[in-house]
Amino acid sequence: MENYYVRTVKLPGSVRGVTIPNDDGTFNVFINSSLSPECSNDTLNHELNHIKKDHFYEDTKSIEVVETEADDSI
């Protein structure tokens, strides 16, 4: 898997996590600091599944499909 950097930050309450690809092929994964440890771990796994499945470079699938694929792998 590509390199990724995980950061715990304050995000809006409805946002559990977000991943941003960088120009150098690495990723920044941001996890909401208000989440429980278990929820943080699930969120990290969800975000890493997006990376594993190349969702950031896939533009033929709907957001609903990529989110379901990321959830199904947890």
PDB file of N, CA and C in Angstrom:
ATOM      1  N   MET A   1       0.848  -1.186   0.000  1.00  0.00           N
ATOM      2  CA  MET A   1       0.000   0.000   0.000  1.00  0.00           C
ATOM      3  C   MET A   1       0.885   1.238   0.000  1.00  0.00           C
ATOM      4  N   GLU A   2       0.380   2.284  -0.614  1.00  0.00           N
ATOM      5  CA  GLU A   2       1.093   3.552  -0.636  1.00  0.00           C
ATOM      6  C   GLU A   2       1.302   4.067   0.779  1.00  0.00           C
ATOM      7  N   ASN A   3       2.178   5.022   0.902  1.00  0.00           N
ATOM      8  CA  ASN A   3       2.410   5.657   2.203  1.00  0.00           C
ATOM      9  C   ASN A   3       1.224   6.533   2.565  1.00  0.00           C
ATOM     10  N   TYR A   4       0.903   6.534   3.841  1.00  0.00           N
ATOM     11  CA  TYR A   4      -0.166   7.388   4.321  1.00  0.00           C
ATOM     12  C   TYR A   4       0.204   7.920   5.696  1.00  0.00           C
ATOM     13  N   TYR A   5      -0.361   9.054   6.011  1.00  0.00           N
ATOM     14  CA  TYR A   5      -0.111   9.731   7.276  1.00  0.00           C
ATOM     15  C   TYR A   5      -1.446   9.934   7.966  1.00  0.00           C
ATOM     16  N   VAL A   6      -1.558   9.486   9.200  1.00  0.00           N
ATOM     17  CA  VAL A   6      -2.804   9.584   9.938  1.00  0.00           C
ATOM     18  C   VAL A   6      -2.701  10.725  10.938  1.00  0.00           C
ATOM     19  N   ARG A   7      -3.717  11.547  10.927  1.00  0.00           N
ATOM     20  CA  ARG A   7      -3.772  12.675  11.855  1.00  0.00           C
ATOM     21  C   ARG A   7      -5.139  12.685  12.523  1.00  0.00           C
ATOM     22  N   THR A   8      -5.160  12.903  13.813  1.00  0.00           N
ATOM     23  CA  THR A   8      -6.405  13.054  14.549  1.00  0.00           C
ATOM     24  C   THR A   8      -6.644  14.544  14.729  1.00  0.00           C
ATOM     25  N   VAL A   9      -7.772  15.008  14.203  1.00  0.00           N
ATOM     26  CA  VAL A   9      -8.079  16.437  14.214  1.00  0.00           C
ATOM     27  C   VAL A   9      -9.553  16.649  14.545  1.00  0.00           C
ATOM     28  N   LYS A  10      -9.868  17.849  14.942  1.00  0.00           N
ATOM     29  CA  LYS A  10     -11.265  18.196  15.180  1.00  0.00           C
ATOM     30  C   LYS A  10     -11.943  18.407  13.829  1.00  0.00           C
ATOM     31  N   LEU A  11     -12.990  17.625  13.599  1.00  0.00           N
ATOM     32  CA  LEU A  11     -13.782  17.733  12.374  1.00  0.00           C
ATOM     33  C   LEU A  11     -15.232  17.981  12.768  1.00  0.00           C
ATOM     34  N   PRO A  12     -16.065  18.453  11.848  1.00  0.00           N
ATOM     35  CA  PRO A  12     -17.488  18.595  12.165  1.00  0.00           C
ATOM     36  C   PRO A  12     -18.044  17.269  12.679  1.00  0.00           C
ATOM     37  N   GLY A  13     -19.008  17.326  13.581  1.00  0.00           N
ATOM     38  CA  GLY A  13     -19.538  16.128  14.217  1.00  0.00           C
ATOM     39  C   GLY A  13     -20.032  15.057  13.264  1.00  0.00           C
ATOM     40  N   SER A  14     -20.512  15.443  12.102  1.00  0.00           N
ATOM     41  CA  SER A  14     -21.038  14.466  11.147  1.00  0.00           C
ATOM     42  C   SER A  14     -19.943  13.815  10.297  1.00  0.00           C
ATOM     43  N   VAL A  15     -18.706  14.271  10.422  1.00  0.00           N
ATOM     44  CA  VAL A  15     -17.597  13.746   9.621  1.00  0.00           C
ATOM     45  C   VAL A  15     -16.712  12.876  10.508  1.00  0.00           C
ATOM     46  N   ARG A  16     -16.684  11.580  10.214  1.00  0.00           N
ATOM     47  CA  ARG A  16     -15.853  10.669  10.996  1.00  0.00           C
ATOM     48  C   ARG A  16     -14.403  10.690  10.521  1.00  0.00           C
ATOM     49  N   GLY A  17     -14.214  10.808   9.208  1.00  0.00           N
ATOM     50  CA  GLY A  17     -12.862  10.828   8.674  1.00  0.00           C
ATOM     51  C   GLY A  17     -12.864  11.249   7.223  1.00  0.00           C
ATOM     52  N   VAL A  18     -11.689  11.625   6.765  1.00  0.00           N
ATOM     53  CA  VAL A  18     -11.530  12.032   5.372  1.00  0.00           C
ATOM     54  C   VAL A  18     -10.087  11.747   4.962  1.00  0.00           C
ATOM     55  N   THR A  19      -9.918  11.359   3.716  1.00  0.00           N
ATOM     56  CA  THR A  19      -8.581  11.101   3.178  1.00  0.00           C
ATOM     57  C   THR A  19      -8.345  12.002   1.981  1.00  0.00           C
ATOM     58  N   ILE A  20      -7.151  12.591   1.947  1.00  0.00           N
ATOM     59  CA  ILE A  20      -6.789  13.493   0.854  1.00  0.00           C
ATOM     60  C   ILE A  20      -5.514  12.974   0.199  1.00  0.00           C
ATOM     61  N   PRO A  21      -5.575  12.703  -1.114  1.00  0.00           N
ATOM     62  CA  PRO A  21      -4.359  12.285  -1.814  1.00  0.00           C
ATOM     63  C   PRO A  21      -3.423  13.469  -2.042  1.00  0.00           C
ATOM     64  N   ASN A  22      -2.130  13.216  -1.965  1.00  0.00           N
ATOM     65  CA  ASN A  22      -1.109  14.230  -2.230  1.00  0.00           C
ATOM     66  C   ASN A  22      -0.515  14.004  -3.611  1.00  0.00           C
ATOM     67  N   ASP A  23       0.091  15.028  -4.154  1.00  0.00           N
ATOM     68  CA  ASP A  23       0.689  14.941  -5.489  1.00  0.00           C
ATOM     69  C   ASP A  23       1.807  13.908  -5.579  1.00  0.00           C
ATOM     70  N   ASP A  24       2.439  13.583  -4.450  1.00  0.00           N
ATOM     71  CA  ASP A  24       3.556  12.639  -4.477  1.00  0.00           C
ATOM     72  C   ASP A  24       3.128  11.177  -4.308  1.00  0.00           C
ATOM     73  N   GLY A  25       1.811  10.918  -4.334  1.00  0.00           N
ATOM     74  CA  GLY A  25       1.316   9.551  -4.217  1.00  0.00           C
ATOM     75  C   GLY A  25       1.029   9.112  -2.793  1.00  0.00           C
ATOM     76  N   THR A  26       1.299   9.963  -1.818  1.00  0.00           N
ATOM     77  CA  THR A  26       0.975   9.654  -0.433  1.00  0.00           C
ATOM     78  C   THR A  26      -0.429  10.177  -0.116  1.00  0.00           C
ATOM     79  N   PHE A  27      -0.912   9.817   1.058  1.00  0.00           N
ATOM     80  CA  PHE A  27      -2.247  10.224   1.474  1.00  0.00           C
ATOM     81  C   PHE A  27      -2.213  10.767   2.887  1.00  0.00           C
ATOM     82  N   ASN A  28      -3.038  11.778   3.146  1.00  0.00           N
ATOM     83  CA  ASN A  28      -3.281  12.272   4.499  1.00  0.00           C
ATOM     84  C   ASN A  28      -4.645  11.745   4.917  1.00  0.00           C
ATOM     85  N   VAL A  29      -4.673  11.003   6.021  1.00  0.00           N
ATOM     86  CA  VAL A  29      -5.913  10.476   6.564  1.00  0.00           C
ATOM     87  C   VAL A  29      -6.208  11.253   7.841  1.00  0.00           C
ATOM     88  N   PHE A  30      -7.346  11.920   7.863  1.00  0.00           N
ATOM     89  CA  PHE A  30      -7.754  12.708   9.018  1.00  0.00           C
ATOM     90  C   PHE A  30      -8.905  11.993   9.717  1.00  0.00           C
ATOM     91  N   ILE A  31      -8.747  11.749  11.013  1.00  0.00           N
ATOM     92  CA  ILE A  31      -9.753  11.076  11.820  1.00  0.00           C
ATOM     93  C   ILE A  31     -10.284  12.073  12.846  1.00  0.00           C
ATOM     94  N   ASN A  32     -11.596  12.113  13.017  1.00  0.00           N
ATOM     95  CA  ASN A  32     -12.224  13.034  13.948  1.00  0.00           C
ATOM     96  C   ASN A  32     -11.795  12.707  15.374  1.00  0.00           C
ATOM     97  N   SER A  33     -11.247  13.692  16.064  1.00  0.00           N
ATOM     98  CA  SER A  33     -10.726  13.495  17.420  1.00  0.00           C
ATOM     99  C   SER A  33     -11.813  13.229  18.450  1.00  0.00           C
ATOM    100  N   SER A  34     -13.069  13.461  18.109  1.00  0.00           N
ATOM    101  CA  SER A  34     -14.151  13.250  19.068  1.00  0.00           C
ATOM    102  C   SER A  34     -14.663  11.803  19.080  1.00  0.00           C
ATOM    103  N   LEU A  35     -14.130  10.953  18.212  1.00  0.00           N
ATOM    104  CA  LEU A  35     -14.592   9.568  18.129  1.00  0.00           C
ATOM    105  C   LEU A  35     -14.002   8.709  19.233  1.00  0.00           C
ATOM    106  N   SER A  36     -14.737   7.669  19.604  1.00  0.00           N
ATOM    107  CA  SER A  36     -14.225   6.688  20.562  1.00  0.00           C
ATOM    108  C   SER A  36     -13.083   5.918  19.908  1.00  0.00           C
ATOM    109  N   PRO A  37     -12.252   5.250  20.696  1.00  0.00           N
ATOM    110  CA  PRO A  37     -11.168   4.462  20.103  1.00  0.00           C
ATOM    111  C   PRO A  37     -11.669   3.413  19.101  1.00  0.00           C
ATOM    112  N   GLU A  38     -12.758   2.739  19.414  1.00  0.00           N
ATOM    113  CA  GLU A  38     -13.299   1.725  18.499  1.00  0.00           C
ATOM    114  C   GLU A  38     -13.789   2.356  17.202  1.00  0.00           C
ATOM    115  N   CYS A  39     -14.508   3.456  17.316  1.00  0.00           N
ATOM    116  CA  CYS A  39     -15.013   4.153  16.134  1.00  0.00           C
ATOM    117  C   CYS A  39     -13.856   4.743  15.316  1.00  0.00           C
ATOM    118  N   SER A  40     -12.832   5.243  15.995  1.00  0.00           N
ATOM    119  CA  SER A  40     -11.642   5.756  15.294  1.00  0.00           C
ATOM    120  C   SER A  40     -10.982   4.657  14.481  1.00  0.00           C
ATOM    121  N   ASN A  41     -10.870   3.470  15.066  1.00  0.00           N
ATOM    122  CA  ASN A  41     -10.256   2.340  14.366  1.00  0.00           C
ATOM    123  C   ASN A  41     -11.089   1.931  13.152  1.00  0.00           C
ATOM    124  N   ASP A  42     -12.416   1.859  13.330  1.00  0.00           N
ATOM    125  CA  ASP A  42     -13.288   1.529  12.200  1.00  0.00           C
ATOM    126  C   ASP A  42     -13.177   2.573  11.094  1.00  0.00           C
ATOM    127  N   THR A  43     -13.114   3.825  11.490  1.00  0.00           N
ATOM    128  CA  THR A  43     -12.999   4.917  10.514  1.00  0.00           C
ATOM    129  C   THR A  43     -11.676   4.840   9.777  1.00  0.00           C
ATOM    130  N   LEU A  44     -10.593   4.578  10.500  1.00  0.00           N
ATOM    131  CA  LEU A  44      -9.292   4.437   9.851  1.00  0.00           C
ATOM    132  C   LEU A  44      -9.329   3.289   8.845  1.00  0.00           C
ATOM    133  N   ASN A  45      -9.883   2.153   9.227  1.00  0.00           N
ATOM    134  CA  ASN A  45      -9.975   1.016   8.299  1.00  0.00           C
ATOM    135  C   ASN A  45     -10.799   1.373   7.077  1.00  0.00           C
ATOM    136  N   HIS A  46     -11.887   2.098   7.270  1.00  0.00           N
ATOM    137  CA  HIS A  46     -12.723   2.542   6.153  1.00  0.00           C
ATOM    138  C   HIS A  46     -11.912   3.411   5.195  1.00  0.00           C
ATOM    139  N   GLU A  47     -11.206   4.383   5.751  1.00  0.00           N
ATOM    140  CA  GLU A  47     -10.410   5.289   4.912  1.00  0.00           C
ATOM    141  C   GLU A  47      -9.291   4.541   4.195  1.00  0.00           C
ATOM    142  N   LEU A  48      -8.641   3.603   4.880  1.00  0.00           N
ATOM    143  CA  LEU A  48      -7.580   2.816   4.239  1.00  0.00           C
ATOM    144  C   LEU A  48      -8.138   1.937   3.125  1.00  0.00           C
ATOM    145  N   ASN A  49      -9.369   1.472   3.280  1.00  0.00           N
ATOM    146  CA  ASN A  49      -9.997   0.687   2.206  1.00  0.00           C
ATOM    147  C   ASN A  49     -10.194   1.522   0.957  1.00  0.00           C
ATOM    148  N   HIS A  50     -10.488   2.813   1.122  1.00  0.00           N
ATOM    149  CA  HIS A  50     -10.573   3.688  -0.051  1.00  0.00           C
ATOM    150  C   HIS A  50      -9.229   3.718  -0.781  1.00  0.00           C
ATOM    151  N   ILE A  51      -8.144   3.793  -0.026  1.00  0.00           N
ATOM    152  CA  ILE A  51      -6.813   3.815  -0.643  1.00  0.00           C
ATOM    153  C   ILE A  51      -6.532   2.485  -1.334  1.00  0.00           C
ATOM    154  N   LYS A  52      -6.769   1.377  -0.635  1.00  0.00           N
ATOM    155  CA  LYS A  52      -6.501   0.043  -1.186  1.00  0.00           C
ATOM    156  C   LYS A  52      -7.269  -0.204  -2.475  1.00  0.00           C
ATOM    157  N   LYS A  53      -8.482   0.311  -2.540  1.00  0.00           N
ATOM    158  CA  LYS A  53      -9.337   0.065  -3.698  1.00  0.00           C
ATOM    159  C   LYS A  53      -9.205   1.142  -4.778  1.00  0.00           C
ATOM    160  N   ASP A  54      -8.223   2.025  -4.635  1.00  0.00           N
ATOM    161  CA  ASP A  54      -7.968   3.081  -5.627  1.00  0.00           C
ATOM    162  C   ASP A  54      -9.179   3.967  -5.895  1.00  0.00           C
ATOM    163  N   HIS A  55      -9.990   4.199  -4.887  1.00  0.00           N
ATOM    164  CA  HIS A  55     -11.183   5.014  -5.077  1.00  0.00           C
ATOM    165  C   HIS A  55     -10.871   6.449  -5.463  1.00  0.00           C
ATOM    166  N   PHE A  56      -9.683   6.930  -5.158  1.00  0.00           N
ATOM    167  CA  PHE A  56      -9.342   8.309  -5.481  1.00  0.00           C
ATOM    168  C   PHE A  56      -9.013   8.490  -6.951  1.00  0.00           C
ATOM    169  N   TYR A  57      -8.835   7.385  -7.642  1.00  0.00           N
ATOM    170  CA  TYR A  57      -8.498   7.433  -9.067  1.00  0.00           C
ATOM    171  C   TYR A  57      -9.577   6.760  -9.906  1.00  0.00           C
ATOM    172  N   GLU A  58     -10.708   6.481  -9.302  1.00  0.00           N
ATOM    173  CA  GLU A  58     -11.839   5.818  -9.952  1.00  0.00           C
ATOM    174  C   GLU A  58     -12.969   6.825 -10.087  1.00  0.00           C
ATOM    175  N   ASP A  59     -13.306   7.182 -11.303  1.00  0.00           N
ATOM    176  CA  ASP A  59     -14.356   8.180 -11.460  1.00  0.00           C
ATOM    177  C   ASP A  59     -15.590   7.627 -12.162  1.00  0.00           C
ATOM    178  N   THR A  60     -15.667   6.307 -12.300  1.00  0.00           N
ATOM    179  CA  THR A  60     -16.830   5.728 -12.958  1.00  0.00           C
ATOM    180  C   THR A  60     -17.862   5.204 -11.969  1.00  0.00           C
ATOM    181  N   LYS A  61     -17.520   5.165 -10.679  1.00  0.00           N
ATOM    182  CA  LYS A  61     -18.441   4.654  -9.666  1.00  0.00           C
ATOM    183  C   LYS A  61     -19.054   5.821  -8.888  1.00  0.00           C
ATOM    184  N   SER A  62     -20.289   5.629  -8.466  1.00  0.00           N
ATOM    185  CA  SER A  62     -20.950   6.660  -7.663  1.00  0.00           C
ATOM    186  C   SER A  62     -20.373   6.677  -6.255  1.00  0.00           C
ATOM    187  N   ILE A  63     -20.587   7.765  -5.552  1.00  0.00           N
ATOM    188  CA  ILE A  63     -20.121   7.887  -4.176  1.00  0.00           C
ATOM    189  C   ILE A  63     -20.752   6.811  -3.302  1.00  0.00           C
ATOM    190  N   GLU A  64     -21.997   6.471  -3.583  1.00  0.00           N
ATOM    191  CA  GLU A  64     -22.672   5.432  -2.813  1.00  0.00           C
ATOM    192  C   GLU A  64     -21.958   4.094  -2.964  1.00  0.00           C
ATOM    193  N   VAL A  65     -21.529   3.779  -4.177  1.00  0.00           N
ATOM    194  CA  VAL A  65     -20.840   2.506  -4.432  1.00  0.00           C
ATOM    195  C   VAL A  65     -19.488   2.477  -3.740  1.00  0.00           C
ATOM    196  N   VAL A  66     -18.687   3.534  -3.843  1.00  0.00           N
ATOM    197  CA  VAL A  66     -17.356   3.510  -3.223  1.00  0.00           C
ATOM    198  C   VAL A  66     -17.463   3.490  -1.705  1.00  0.00           C
ATOM    199  N   GLU A  67     -18.454   4.179  -1.134  1.00  0.00           N
ATOM    200  CA  GLU A  67     -18.626   4.137   0.316  1.00  0.00           C
ATOM    201  C   GLU A  67     -19.045   2.749   0.785  1.00  0.00           C
ATOM    202  N   THR A  68     -19.918   2.102   0.036  1.00  0.00           N
ATOM    203  CA  THR A  68     -20.321   0.735   0.382  1.00  0.00           C
ATOM    204  C   THR A  68     -19.151  -0.223   0.253  1.00  0.00           C
ATOM    205  N   GLU A  69     -18.360  -0.072  -0.785  1.00  0.00           N
ATOM    206  CA  GLU A  69     -17.179  -0.938  -0.944  1.00  0.00           C
ATOM    207  C   GLU A  69     -16.207  -0.757   0.212  1.00  0.00           C
ATOM    208  N   ALA A  70     -16.006   0.471   0.647  1.00  0.00           N
ATOM    209  CA  ALA A  70     -15.085   0.715   1.761  1.00  0.00           C
ATOM    210  C   ALA A  70     -15.632   0.134   3.056  1.00  0.00           C
ATOM    211  N   ASP A  71     -16.939   0.212   3.246  1.00  0.00           N
ATOM    212  CA  ASP A  71     -17.559  -0.373   4.444  1.00  0.00           C
ATOM    213  C   ASP A  71     -17.541  -1.892   4.415  1.00  0.00           C
ATOM    214  N   ASP A  72     -17.759  -2.479   3.252  1.00  0.00           N
ATOM    215  CA  ASP A  72     -17.839  -3.933   3.128  1.00  0.00           C
ATOM    216  C   ASP A  72     -16.527  -4.622   3.459  1.00  0.00           C
ATOM    217  N   SER A  73     -15.438  -3.909   3.374  1.00  0.00           N
ATOM    218  CA  SER A  73     -14.124  -4.503   3.606  1.00  0.00           C
ATOM    219  C   SER A  73     -13.713  -4.475   5.076  1.00  0.00           C
ATOM    220  N   ILE A  74     -14.508  -3.842   5.910  1.00  0.00           N
ATOM    221  CA  ILE A  74     -14.140  -3.726   7.337  1.00  0.00           C
ATOM    222  C   ILE A  74     -14.447  -5.027   8.053  1.00  0.00           C
TER     223      ILE A  74
END
